[in-house]
Amino acid sequence: MNNKGFTLIELLVVIAIIGILASIVLTSLNNARQSARDLSIKNAISEAMKKAEMFYDDYETYDFMCDENEFIAGGSINDSITNNGGIFKCGDDAQGYCFSATLNKGGSVCADGYRELKNGFECDATSTDILCD
């Protein structure tokens, strides 16, 4: 007999290989998506720092920028962080401010009056100084 075609075993092996390759690609894609969301959160915190300085230039105080972890002076910054899976914290007083957000891949990012992003810190608005601790 001269059969031209594939056996059932050969077809199942090819389908299994395609399934394994597809799962590897989807896992890599999910990691890239999480990294992109974390970068968006970091950019939103940077934008919040800039808006805080503009707020200070206008009103000569940092007080009243935040209301119960919502950045009032920031426009869509709260949404940008929460839509990307982060949890936003905000604290202020007359002399300083603090913003932090959790990241999707673990950890957090924080910014305070020293105008730099700090990885692994969170906003501590309960102390006498509002800083990243």
Protein backbone atom coordinates (compact mmCIF):
# COMPACT_ATOMS: atom_id res chain seq x y z
CA MET A 1 0.00 0.00 0.00
CA ASN A 2 1.15 3.44 -0.87
CA ASN A 3 -0.57 5.82 1.63
CA LYS A 4 0.05 9.47 1.02
CA GLY A 5 -0.87 11.50 4.11
CA PHE A 6 -0.18 11.91 7.80
CA THR A 7 -0.98 9.48 10.55
CA LEU A 8 -3.11 10.48 13.51
CA ILE A 9 -0.06 10.40 15.78
CA GLU A 10 1.88 12.80 13.56
CA LEU A 11 -1.02 15.25 13.50
CA LEU A 12 -1.41 15.10 17.28
CA VAL A 13 2.31 15.76 17.78
CA VAL A 14 2.17 18.81 15.51
CA ILE A 15 -0.91 20.15 17.33
CA ALA A 16 0.82 19.64 20.70
CA ILE A 17 3.92 21.53 19.52
CA ILE A 18 1.80 24.42 18.25
CA GLY A 19 -0.05 24.52 21.58
CA ILE A 20 3.22 24.68 23.55
CA LEU A 21 4.58 27.47 21.35
CA ALA A 22 1.33 29.43 21.66
CA SER A 23 1.41 29.23 25.47
CA ILE A 24 5.01 30.49 25.53
CA VAL A 25 4.10 33.46 23.31
CA LEU A 26 1.04 34.33 25.41
CA THR A 27 3.07 34.22 28.62
CA SER A 28 5.67 36.57 27.15
CA LEU A 29 2.94 38.87 25.91
CA ASN A 30 1.36 39.02 29.38
CA ASN A 31 4.73 39.94 30.95
CA ALA A 32 5.21 42.70 28.39
CA ARG A 33 1.70 43.98 29.10
CA GLN A 34 2.39 44.14 32.85
CA SER A 35 5.67 45.97 32.24
CA ALA A 36 3.89 48.49 30.03
CA ARG A 37 1.25 49.08 32.71
CA ASP A 38 3.95 49.60 35.35
CA LEU A 39 5.70 52.11 33.10
CA SER A 40 2.42 53.96 32.62
CA ILE A 41 1.99 54.13 36.41
CA LYS A 42 5.53 55.51 36.83
CA ASN A 43 4.86 58.11 34.16
CA ALA A 44 1.65 59.13 35.95
CA ILE A 45 3.57 59.61 39.22
CA SER A 46 6.13 61.74 37.36
CA GLU A 47 3.31 63.79 35.89
CA ALA A 48 1.84 64.20 39.39
CA MET A 49 5.18 65.62 40.59
CA LYS A 50 5.15 68.19 37.80
CA LYS A 51 1.55 69.16 38.52
CA ALA A 52 2.36 69.48 42.24
CA GLU A 53 5.12 71.96 41.44
CA MET A 54 2.78 73.92 39.16
CA PHE A 55 0.20 73.92 41.98
CA TYR A 56 2.85 75.29 44.36
CA ASP A 57 3.81 78.01 41.86
CA ASP A 58 0.16 79.11 41.67
CA TYR A 59 -0.81 78.89 45.35
CA GLU A 60 2.53 78.89 47.24
CA THR A 61 1.47 75.82 49.21
CA TYR A 62 1.14 72.09 48.63
CA ASP A 63 -1.83 71.87 50.97
CA PHE A 64 -5.23 70.78 49.62
CA MET A 65 -3.85 68.97 46.56
CA CYS A 66 -4.98 65.61 47.94
CA ASP A 67 -8.31 64.53 49.34
CA GLU A 68 -8.52 60.98 50.72
CA ASN A 69 -5.86 59.56 48.38
CA GLU A 70 -7.21 61.41 45.37
CA PHE A 71 -4.98 63.95 43.66
CA ILE A 72 -7.43 66.82 43.10
CA ALA A 73 -4.94 69.01 41.26
CA GLY A 74 -3.96 66.16 38.94
CA GLY A 75 -6.86 65.75 36.59
CA SER A 76 -6.78 62.27 35.04
CA ILE A 77 -3.70 61.04 36.93
CA ASN A 78 -5.82 59.05 39.41
CA ASP A 79 -7.61 57.28 36.56
CA SER A 80 -4.35 56.63 34.72
CA ILE A 81 -2.97 54.79 37.74
CA THR A 82 -6.08 52.85 38.73
CA ASN A 83 -6.93 51.88 35.13
CA ASN A 84 -3.48 50.28 34.88
CA GLY A 85 -3.98 48.22 38.03
CA GLY A 86 -2.20 50.45 40.53
CA ILE A 87 -3.40 51.66 43.92
CA PHE A 88 -2.74 55.38 44.36
CA LYS A 89 -1.85 57.07 47.67
CA CYS A 90 -1.59 60.80 48.08
CA GLY A 91 -0.62 62.99 51.01
CA ASP A 92 0.07 66.69 51.39
CA ASP A 93 0.59 69.51 53.83
CA ALA A 94 1.68 73.13 53.44
CA GLN A 95 5.36 72.21 53.06
CA GLY A 96 5.37 68.98 51.07
CA TYR A 97 3.64 66.19 49.23
CA CYS A 98 3.92 62.49 48.65
CA PHE A 99 2.49 60.24 45.90
CA SER A 100 2.84 56.49 45.63
CA ALA A 101 1.31 53.65 43.65
CA THR A 102 1.56 49.89 43.68
CA LEU A 103 2.93 48.18 40.59
CA ASN A 104 1.55 45.13 38.77
CA LYS A 105 4.77 43.14 38.97
CA GLY A 106 5.07 43.77 42.70
CA GLY A 107 6.59 46.61 44.65
CA SER A 108 5.71 50.25 44.48
CA VAL A 109 6.95 53.61 43.29
CA CYS A 110 6.89 56.82 45.29
CA ALA A 111 7.64 60.51 44.76
CA ASP A 112 7.85 63.28 47.31
CA GLY A 113 9.08 66.86 47.51
CA TYR A 114 12.63 65.76 46.64
CA ARG A 115 11.43 65.40 43.02
CA GLU A 116 12.67 61.91 42.27
CA LEU A 117 10.98 58.57 41.79
CA LYS A 118 11.85 56.02 44.45
CA ASN A 119 11.23 52.33 43.85
CA GLY A 120 10.10 50.18 46.75
CA PHE A 121 8.78 53.03 48.91
CA GLU A 122 5.26 54.11 49.81
CA CYS A 123 3.78 57.44 50.77
CA ASP A 124 3.60 57.97 54.53
CA ALA A 125 1.12 60.77 55.13
CA THR A 126 0.70 59.96 58.83
CA SER A 127 4.12 61.12 60.00
CA THR A 128 5.04 64.70 60.76
CA ASP A 129 6.92 64.89 57.45
CA ILE A 130 5.11 63.73 54.36
CA LEU A 131 7.73 61.55 52.69
CA CYS A 132 8.33 58.27 50.95
CA ASP A 133 9.16 55.70 53.65
